[in-house]
Each structure stands twice: as structure tokens, then as C-alpha cells.
Protein backbone atom coordinates (compact mmCIF):
# COMPACT_ATOMS: atom_id res chain seq x y z
CA MET A 1 0.00 0.00 0.00
CA ALA A 2 1.36 3.45 -0.94
CA ALA A 3 2.54 5.74 1.86
CA ALA A 4 -0.08 8.38 1.05
CA SER A 5 -2.83 5.76 1.15
CA ILE A 6 -1.64 4.45 4.53
CA GLU A 7 -1.55 7.96 5.97
CA SER A 8 -5.04 8.66 4.65
CA GLU A 9 -6.34 5.41 6.14
CA LEU A 10 -4.76 6.19 9.51
CA GLN A 11 -6.11 9.75 9.46
CA SER A 12 -9.62 8.43 8.89
CA LEU A 13 -9.20 5.79 11.60
CA PHE A 14 -7.87 8.40 14.02
CA MET A 15 -10.84 10.68 13.40
CA LYS A 16 -13.34 7.86 13.97
CA GLY A 17 -11.74 5.86 16.77
CA GLY A 18 -9.10 8.12 18.25
CA LEU A 19 -5.79 6.99 19.68
CA VAL A 20 -7.06 3.56 20.72
CA ALA A 21 -8.04 2.66 17.14
CA VAL A 22 -4.73 3.62 15.52
CA VAL A 23 -2.66 2.00 18.29
CA GLN A 24 -4.67 -1.22 17.87
CA ARG A 25 -3.92 -1.16 14.15
CA ALA A 26 -0.22 -0.58 14.76
CA LYS A 27 -0.11 -3.48 17.23
CA ALA A 28 -1.83 -5.74 14.68
CA VAL A 29 0.82 -4.82 12.11
CA LEU A 30 3.56 -5.68 14.61
CA GLU A 31 1.91 -9.00 15.43
CA ASN A 32 1.83 -9.86 11.73
CA VAL A 33 5.58 -9.33 11.55
CA GLU A 34 6.05 -12.48 13.61
CA SER A 35 4.67 -14.53 10.71
CA THR A 36 6.40 -12.50 8.00
CA THR A 37 8.74 -14.40 5.71
CA LEU A 38 12.31 -13.12 5.64
CA ASN A 39 13.21 -12.47 2.00
CA ILE A 40 16.85 -12.90 0.99
CA ALA A 41 17.81 -11.79 -2.53
CA VAL A 42 20.77 -13.34 -4.34
CA ILE A 43 21.90 -10.73 -6.84
CA GLY A 44 24.72 -10.14 -9.31
CA GLU A 45 25.43 -10.23 -13.01
CA SER A 46 23.95 -12.90 -15.26
CA GLY A 47 26.38 -15.80 -15.58
CA GLY A 48 27.81 -15.24 -12.13
CA GLY A 49 26.51 -18.56 -10.82
CA LYS A 50 23.51 -17.31 -8.84
CA SER A 51 21.26 -20.26 -9.66
CA SER A 52 23.97 -22.78 -8.81
CA PHE A 53 24.60 -20.92 -5.56
CA VAL A 54 20.90 -21.08 -4.63
CA SER A 55 20.98 -24.83 -5.25
CA LEU A 56 24.10 -25.09 -3.12
CA LEU A 57 22.26 -23.46 -0.22
CA GLY A 58 19.84 -26.37 -0.33
CA ALA A 59 16.87 -24.17 -1.20
CA SER A 60 13.78 -26.04 -2.33
CA GLY A 61 11.29 -24.99 -4.97
CA ILE A 62 8.11 -23.09 -4.17
CA LYS A 63 4.95 -23.12 -6.27
CA GLY A 64 6.26 -25.62 -8.80
CA HIS A 65 9.75 -24.17 -9.16
CA SER A 66 12.86 -26.23 -8.61
CA ALA A 67 16.36 -24.94 -8.00
CA LEU A 68 17.96 -23.98 -11.30
CA THR A 69 21.28 -25.26 -12.53
CA ALA A 70 24.09 -23.67 -14.49
CA GLY A 71 23.60 -23.36 -18.23
CA LYS A 72 19.93 -22.36 -18.12
CA GLU A 73 18.74 -19.21 -19.85
CA PRO A 74 18.55 -16.28 -17.38
CA GLN A 75 15.06 -15.76 -16.02
CA MET A 76 13.33 -12.41 -16.42
CA GLU A 77 11.52 -12.49 -13.05
CA PRO A 78 12.74 -13.28 -9.51
CA VAL A 79 12.29 -16.95 -8.59
CA GLN A 80 11.42 -17.86 -5.00
CA TYR A 81 12.81 -20.82 -3.04
CA GLN A 82 12.38 -21.95 0.54
CA PHE A 83 15.48 -21.95 2.69
CA SER A 84 16.21 -25.48 3.83
CA SER A 85 16.47 -24.78 7.56
CA ASP A 86 13.60 -22.31 8.05
CA ASP A 87 10.19 -22.23 6.38
CA LYS A 88 9.91 -18.51 7.26
CA VAL A 89 12.91 -17.68 5.07
CA SER A 90 12.77 -17.39 1.27
CA ILE A 91 15.75 -17.24 -1.03
CA TRP A 92 15.13 -15.26 -4.22
CA ASP A 93 17.14 -15.83 -7.38
CA VAL A 94 16.91 -12.32 -8.82
CA PRO A 95 17.47 -11.58 -12.54
CA GLY A 96 21.07 -10.62 -13.25
CA THR A 97 22.28 -7.14 -14.14
CA GLN A 98 22.82 -8.04 -17.78
CA THR A 99 19.13 -8.92 -17.94
CA VAL A 100 18.18 -5.32 -17.20
CA LYS A 101 21.20 -3.95 -19.11
CA SER A 102 21.96 -1.08 -16.73
CA ASP A 103 24.21 0.13 -13.91
CA ALA A 104 24.03 -0.72 -10.20
CA ASP A 105 21.59 2.11 -9.32
CA ALA A 106 19.23 1.30 -12.18
CA TYR A 107 19.49 -2.41 -11.45
CA LEU A 108 18.48 -1.98 -7.80
CA ASN A 109 15.73 0.44 -8.80
CA SER A 110 14.40 -2.20 -11.20
CA LEU A 111 13.88 -4.53 -8.25
CA THR A 112 11.13 -4.15 -5.69
CA PHE A 113 13.95 -3.21 -3.32
CA ASP A 114 11.91 -2.85 -0.12
CA LYS A 115 10.53 -6.36 -0.62
CA TYR A 116 13.91 -7.83 0.31
CA HIS A 117 15.24 -7.73 3.85
CA PHE A 118 18.75 -8.99 3.15
CA PHE A 119 21.06 -9.36 0.15
CA ILE A 120 23.76 -11.79 -0.92
CA VAL A 121 25.84 -10.11 -3.63
CA LEU A 122 27.53 -12.70 -5.83
CA GLY A 123 30.51 -11.93 -8.03
CA GLY A 124 33.06 -13.89 -10.01
CA ALA A 125 36.33 -12.62 -11.46
CA GLU A 126 34.70 -10.99 -14.47
CA PHE A 127 31.77 -9.66 -12.40
CA GLU A 128 33.71 -8.47 -9.38
CA GLU A 129 33.45 -4.72 -9.99
CA THR A 130 29.69 -4.91 -10.47
CA ALA A 131 29.39 -6.85 -7.23
CA TRP A 132 31.26 -4.14 -5.34
CA GLN A 133 29.04 -1.44 -6.84
CA LEU A 134 25.92 -3.36 -5.79
CA THR A 135 27.29 -3.92 -2.29
CA LYS A 136 27.98 -0.23 -1.86
CA LYS A 137 24.53 0.81 -3.08
CA ILE A 138 22.79 -1.70 -0.81
CA ARG A 139 24.74 -0.50 2.21
CA GLU A 140 23.88 3.11 1.33
CA LYS A 141 20.22 2.07 1.47
CA LYS A 142 20.78 0.77 5.03
CA LYS A 143 20.24 -2.89 4.15
CA LYS A 144 22.45 -5.74 5.33
CA CYS A 145 24.33 -7.84 2.78
CA TYR A 146 27.14 -10.37 2.31
CA PHE A 147 29.76 -10.05 -0.41
CA VAL A 148 30.33 -13.51 -1.89
CA ARG A 149 33.20 -14.09 -4.33
CA ASN A 150 32.18 -17.12 -6.38
CA LYS A 151 34.14 -19.26 -8.88
CA LEU A 152 37.13 -19.52 -6.58
CA ASP A 153 38.30 -22.67 -8.38
CA SER A 154 38.76 -20.67 -11.59
CA TYR A 155 40.74 -18.02 -9.72
CA LEU A 156 43.04 -20.58 -8.10
CA GLU A 157 43.61 -22.38 -11.39
CA SER A 158 44.60 -19.09 -12.97
CA GLU A 159 46.98 -18.33 -10.10
CA LYS A 160 48.47 -21.80 -10.33
CA GLN A 161 49.28 -21.36 -14.01
CA ARG A 162 50.71 -17.90 -13.39
CA GLU A 163 52.86 -18.82 -10.37
CA GLU A 164 53.73 -22.33 -11.54
CA SER A 165 56.34 -23.79 -9.14
CA GLN A 166 55.88 -21.00 -6.57
CA TYR A 167 52.14 -21.47 -6.35
CA ASP A 168 50.76 -21.79 -2.80
CA GLU A 169 46.98 -22.12 -2.48
CA THR A 170 46.88 -20.86 1.12
CA LYS A 171 48.85 -17.73 0.23
CA ALA A 172 46.74 -17.16 -2.88
CA LEU A 173 43.54 -17.27 -0.83
CA GLU A 174 45.01 -15.03 1.85
CA HIS A 175 46.08 -12.49 -0.77
CA LEU A 176 42.61 -12.48 -2.35
CA ARG A 177 40.89 -12.09 1.01
CA ASN A 178 43.21 -9.23 2.04
CA THR A 179 42.53 -7.54 -1.28
CA PHE A 180 38.79 -7.65 -0.61
CA VAL A 181 39.19 -6.44 2.97
CA GLU A 182 41.22 -3.47 1.80
CA ARG A 183 38.66 -2.73 -0.92
CA SER A 184 35.91 -2.85 1.71
CA LYS A 185 37.80 -0.30 3.83
CA LYS A 186 38.44 1.92 0.81
CA GLU A 187 34.75 1.94 -0.10
CA GLY A 188 33.75 2.62 3.52
CA LEU A 189 31.87 -0.68 3.68
CA GLU A 190 33.24 -2.08 6.92
CA PRO A 191 32.20 -4.40 8.43
CA THR A 192 30.85 -6.08 5.26
CA GLN A 193 31.10 -9.85 5.62
CA ILE A 194 33.13 -11.38 2.78
CA PHE A 195 33.03 -15.06 1.81
CA LEU A 196 35.13 -16.86 -0.78
CA ILE A 197 33.38 -19.85 -2.34
CA SER A 198 33.11 -22.12 -5.32
CA SER A 199 29.66 -23.41 -6.25
CA LEU A 200 31.42 -26.55 -7.54
CA HIS A 201 32.90 -27.40 -4.15
CA ARG A 202 30.43 -27.23 -1.27
CA ASP A 203 32.95 -28.61 1.23
CA LYS A 204 35.80 -26.23 0.39
CA PHE A 205 36.68 -22.62 1.15
CA ASP A 206 34.12 -20.45 3.03
CA PHE A 207 30.84 -22.02 2.00
CA GLU A 208 30.19 -23.89 5.25
CA GLU A 209 31.10 -20.77 7.23
CA LEU A 210 28.72 -18.72 5.09
CA GLN A 211 25.90 -21.19 5.68
CA ARG A 212 26.58 -21.33 9.42
CA THR A 213 26.81 -17.53 9.69
CA LEU A 214 23.56 -17.07 7.80
CA LYS A 215 21.70 -19.52 10.05
CA GLU A 216 23.10 -17.89 13.18
CA GLU A 217 22.15 -14.41 12.05
CA LEU A 218 18.60 -15.19 10.93
CA PRO A 219 17.04 -14.52 14.38
CA ALA A 220 18.82 -11.16 14.60
CA LEU A 221 17.72 -10.32 11.06
CA LYS A 222 14.10 -11.09 11.93
CA LYS A 223 14.39 -8.92 15.04
CA THR A 224 15.79 -6.12 12.89
CA ILE A 225 12.78 -6.38 10.59
CA ARG A 226 10.45 -6.04 13.56
CA SER A 227 12.44 -3.09 14.83
CA HIS A 228 12.12 -1.37 11.45
CA VAL A 229 8.38 -2.00 11.38
CA LEU A 230 8.06 -0.72 14.95
CA ASP A 231 9.95 2.48 14.05
CA LYS A 232 7.71 2.92 11.01
CA GLN A 233 4.52 2.51 13.03
CA ILE A 234 5.71 4.93 15.70
CA SER A 235 6.66 7.40 12.98
CA LEU A 236 3.24 7.12 11.33
CA LEU A 237 1.35 7.64 14.58
CA THR A 238 3.52 10.49 15.84
CA SER A 239 3.04 12.14 12.45
CA LEU A 240 -0.72 11.96 13.04
CA ILE A 241 -0.21 13.66 16.40
CA ASP A 242 1.91 16.37 14.79
CA LYS A 243 -0.79 17.05 12.21
CA LYS A 244 -3.40 17.26 14.95
CA LYS A 245 -1.10 19.60 16.88
CA ASP A 246 -0.55 21.86 13.85
CA GLY A 247 -4.29 22.02 13.22
CA LEU A 248 -5.01 23.07 16.81
CA LEU A 249 -2.15 25.59 16.88
CA ALA A 250 -3.61 27.27 13.82
CA GLU A 251 -6.82 27.92 15.76
CA THR A 252 -5.53 29.01 19.21
CA TRP A 253 -5.62 32.68 18.27
CA LYS A 254 -9.41 32.54 17.91
CA ILE A 255 -9.81 31.08 21.40
CA ALA A 256 -7.30 33.57 22.80
CA ALA A 257 -9.11 36.51 21.21
CA ALA A 258 -12.48 35.35 22.56
CA ALA A 259 -11.12 34.65 26.03
CA ALA A 260 -9.16 37.92 26.25
CA SER A 261 -12.11 40.10 25.18
CA SER A 262 -14.42 38.53 27.75
CA ARG A 263 -15.10 40.00 31.21
CA VAL A 264 -16.05 36.67 32.79
CA MET A 265 -13.35 36.08 35.40
CA SER A 266 -10.34 37.96 36.70
CA ILE A 267 -7.05 36.28 37.45
CA PRO A 268 -5.79 37.18 40.96
CA GLY A 269 -2.47 39.04 40.69
CA ALA A 270 -2.88 39.67 36.95
CA SER A 271 -3.74 42.83 35.06
CA PHE A 272 -6.42 41.25 32.89
CA VAL A 273 -9.61 39.22 33.03
CA CYS A 274 -10.55 36.39 30.68
CA ASP A 275 -13.08 33.66 30.03
CA ILE A 276 -11.44 30.82 32.00
CA PRO A 277 -14.43 28.45 31.55
CA LEU A 278 -13.89 28.84 27.79
CA LEU A 279 -10.22 27.91 28.25
CA LEU A 280 -11.19 24.97 30.46
CA TYR A 281 -13.56 23.68 27.80
CA ASN A 282 -10.99 23.95 25.00
CA ILE A 283 -8.12 22.46 27.00
CA SER A 284 -10.36 19.50 27.86
CA SER A 285 -11.07 19.17 24.15
CA TYR A 286 -7.34 19.27 23.37
CA ARG A 287 -6.66 16.51 25.86
CA SER A 288 -9.35 14.33 24.31
CA SER A 289 -8.07 15.03 20.81
CA PHE A 290 -4.66 13.66 21.76
CA GLY A 291 -6.13 10.55 23.43
CA LEU A 292 -5.09 11.49 26.95
CA ASP A 293 -8.40 11.17 28.79
CA PRO A 294 -8.09 8.78 31.76
CA SER A 295 -10.60 6.36 30.23
CA VAL A 296 -8.51 6.14 27.04
CA LEU A 297 -5.30 5.59 28.99
CA VAL A 298 -6.98 2.82 30.97
CA THR A 299 -7.94 1.11 27.71
CA LEU A 300 -4.45 1.50 26.25
CA ALA A 301 -2.84 0.18 29.44
CA SER A 302 -5.11 -2.87 29.44
CA MET A 303 -4.08 -3.61 25.84
CA VAL A 304 -0.54 -4.31 27.09
CA GLY A 305 -1.53 -5.88 30.41
CA GLU A 306 -0.68 -2.88 32.56
CA GLU A 307 -2.51 -0.60 34.98
CA PHE A 308 -3.47 3.02 34.35
CA GLU A 309 -0.71 4.27 36.66
CA TYR A 310 1.91 2.70 34.38
CA LEU A 311 1.00 5.04 31.52
CA LYS A 312 0.15 7.96 33.78
CA ALA A 313 3.82 8.09 34.76
CA GLU A 314 4.62 9.13 31.16
CA LEU A 315 2.50 12.29 31.40
CA GLN A 316 4.43 15.52 31.88
CA SER A 317 1.90 18.19 31.00
CA ALA A 318 -0.05 19.56 33.95
CA PHE A 319 -3.26 19.31 31.90
CA SER A 320 -2.74 15.68 30.96
CA GLN A 321 -3.64 14.82 34.53
CA GLU A 322 -5.90 17.59 35.85
CA ILE A 323 -7.87 20.42 34.25
CA THR A 324 -9.35 22.89 36.76
CA VAL A 325 -10.00 26.63 36.94
CA SER A 326 -7.34 27.09 39.60
CA ARG A 327 -4.72 25.20 37.61
CA ILE A 328 -5.46 27.25 34.49
CA SER A 329 -5.08 30.46 36.53
CA GLN A 330 -1.77 29.25 37.95
CA GLU A 331 -0.43 28.29 34.53
CA LEU A 332 -1.48 31.66 33.05
CA LEU A 333 0.29 33.51 35.83
CA GLN A 334 3.41 31.44 35.31
CA MET A 335 3.26 32.00 31.54
CA ALA A 336 2.82 35.78 31.87
CA GLY A 337 5.56 36.26 34.47
CA GLU A 338 6.93 39.79 34.72
CA GLU A 339 4.71 41.07 31.93
CA ILE A 340 1.70 40.74 34.24
CA VAL A 341 3.37 42.92 36.87
CA GLN A 342 4.27 45.51 34.23
CA GLY A 343 0.74 45.37 32.89
CA THR A 344 -0.67 46.02 36.37
CA ILE A 345 1.39 49.20 36.64
CA LEU A 346 0.43 50.34 33.14
CA GLU A 347 -3.26 50.02 33.98
CA PHE A 348 -2.90 53.22 36.00
CA VAL A 349 -2.13 55.08 32.74
CA PRO A 350 -5.55 56.02 31.28
CA LEU A 351 -6.46 54.55 27.83
CA ILE A 352 -2.90 53.69 26.81
CA GLY A 353 -2.47 51.38 29.75
CA GLN A 354 -5.79 49.65 29.05
CA GLY A 355 -4.85 49.03 25.41
CA ILE A 356 -1.49 47.57 26.32
CA SER A 357 -3.11 45.39 28.98
CA ALA A 358 -5.65 43.96 26.50
CA LYS A 359 -2.92 43.24 23.98
CA ARG A 360 -0.83 41.51 26.60
CA ALA A 361 -3.84 39.50 27.74
CA TYR A 362 -4.33 38.15 24.21
CA SER A 363 -0.62 37.46 23.76
CA THR A 364 -0.37 35.67 27.10
CA ILE A 365 -3.47 33.52 26.53
CA ASN A 366 -2.45 32.61 22.96
CA GLY A 367 1.05 31.65 24.13
CA PHE A 368 -0.45 29.67 26.99
CA LEU A 369 -2.76 27.72 24.65
CA GLY A 370 0.04 27.04 22.18
CA ASP A 371 2.30 25.77 24.94
CA THR A 372 -0.50 23.57 26.27
CA VAL A 373 -1.15 22.03 22.84
CA ARG A 374 2.56 21.27 22.30
CA LYS A 375 2.97 19.66 25.72
CA LEU A 376 -0.15 17.52 25.30
CA ALA A 377 1.09 16.41 21.87
CA GLU A 378 4.42 15.32 23.35
CA ASP A 379 2.61 13.38 26.08
CA SER A 380 0.56 11.61 23.43
CA LYS A 381 3.73 10.63 21.56
CA ARG A 382 5.25 9.27 24.76
CA ILE A 383 2.16 7.15 25.39
CA ILE A 384 2.26 5.77 21.82
CA LYS A 385 5.92 4.77 22.14
CA LYS A 386 5.38 3.24 25.56
CA VAL A 387 2.43 1.09 24.44
CA LEU A 388 4.00 -0.10 21.19
CA MET A 389 7.44 -0.78 22.65
CA LEU A 390 6.18 -2.83 25.59
CA ASP A 391 5.94 -5.91 23.34
CA ASP A 392 9.31 -5.32 21.68
């Protein structure tokens, strides 16, 4: 689903069901992550041995497919296989770069990049530079990947012919590995994991280490996926709160103007009077808009098996917990500070003093309402994070 569509859906849900409804949706998304299949893409240039490598991993066919073997025509669509040790892991044999006839950026853009959680970049001698380019681009996009140098048997045979009597396989492998490590440092790709393999020799070189490392890291990879989804859900919901906040801030001047022009109630120690019941009504409305009413917090706490007090501890705004006439008066006095004292003195100056006092009353009330809205919004964000992260 497109980002704009998701935001629109959440906005509608928020308007109808408030904070409880959107938090419930976010929790459902997180619960679905537990059953999400981890998608691993094997990528590289056509002819680099990707299909043979997938077979070597012991992947089994899905939906009628069977692992491909060398010599087949390159496929035009990604082919899915099930990883042998985990039915919640899929290995994808992705079309090679020569299939799309483009550079690393265009190649990755041609894929449904976000579909894949992890990448194995495969390169042989003739495809090595492309593999490095792909590795760099994937790391720039904040995705994890392995760099796998395939066709090691061909490399060693070449070295053997070149070195002849001085040939030493151990030294040749060490030299190649050091070359890749240095290249990784040069490209700023540390700590990219590098494996040297030959698809023709399962029991030689780094293949068993690669397979063991992959199996060991799968749980951490799955946890990373959940963490990314959690961050995304928190971001979506806090964005809703920010939009609500911006909408309310755009209207505070109207409430301030109405309250400042009223002669309903004086504030002891201040130089102005205002409609405090009007402020009380609107602040109560703000609190409800941000999902901070006690009844809502009780519901949210019960969703994660906690008591109301557990979430109440996250509240920092004075009006998240209590909204009374006396508290509003106290907060207005604190907001006005020295300006109230100055305004009291200026009231003794006929006409001019009264005009300045009215202007200061509006300014103080508008600032007070804006500050209240911002603090309530931050409390709402803290509650969202607390509820969603309790299950993490």
C-alpha cells in the first residue's frame, strides 16, 4: 500500500476511533511481523553462478519451481525458493544485471527493493566490480548484505598457471581475502562480511562458514525487521499527532481573542480578566483530541496488560492529569511572568495602559494555549511509544 494511502487510512481511523483505534492497528501490524517471511535476494550479473549458488544453499522450490542449474537461460523475473532450515525464510534468485542492461543504481531500482530484507551479492572474477558497486549501493540504502566471491576454483587455477612452481593455495587465498578487505575499507563498507566460495565445491573454502553464519544471524535479522516495522509505526502515529497539533495551533488565536475580550473572570495578581471556563472547555477538548483522557489511557494500558498508573507516569503536561479553573489560573500567571506585573502598573495610565493590557492579555493567553497544545502532543507521543514498545 502506498505511503499516502496508509496515511489517509490512519487519518480516517484516528478521526473515527481516536488513539485507541490507531494503536490497535499498529499493534496488529507488529503481530503480523512475527509470521512475516524473511526475504533474501541473491543478486549479481547474469552468468555469475547465482542459480547454482541457490541450489548449493539447499533451497527447495516453491509453487512448482525447482532450483535452477548452471547453463539455463537467465530468467526475467525473480524466482522464490524456501530456505532449507527455516520455512519462514525465502531465497530469491533475482534476474542478473545483464538482464536489465543497466548500472548498479538502475538495477536496484528495477527490483522491488523494499521487498527484500537482506542481500547476498555474488561476483566472479569478471563480475567483481559490479558486485562491489551493488554492495555499496545496498549499504547506502541501510540494508544488510554479504559479499560472496564465487568461482574460486577458476581463480586458483589461474593463479596456479601464473605462479607455476611457486604457487601456494593458502597464500593465494590469503592475498585475495586481504585484497577484498582493503577494498571494503576503501569503499567505507566495513564491516561487510566477505566469503570466498566455489559453487562446484560445497565442502571447500568459506561455503560452510557462510551457511553457518547465515543460520546464526537469521534470528537477529528477523528482530531487525520487527524493529524497522516498529519504528515505522511509531513514525506514522507520531506524524498523526503532529498534524493534529498543527491544526489546533492554527486555531488558538481565535480562542485567545475570545477569552481575552471577555469579562467573565479575573485572574488574581494579573492585570487582565478572561473567560477561563472557555479555556477549560478547550483544554479539555485538546486533551481528548490527543487521546489522553483517563478512560482512554486505561484502555491502552489494558491492551498491554498494565494498569493506568503505568502510563500515567509518562505524562508531563499539567493538563494531561488535571484540568481545573485554579490550575489554568496558575499556569497563566506562570506563563505571563513579569509582563503581568508591568501590565498592572500600566493600567494606572488612562487609555494607553488599558490598550497595552488587552494586547498583553491576548498574547499571554495565545502563548499559553500554544504551549499547552505542544505539551499535550508530546505526552501523546510518549504514550504511543510506551504502548508499542512494551511488546518489543
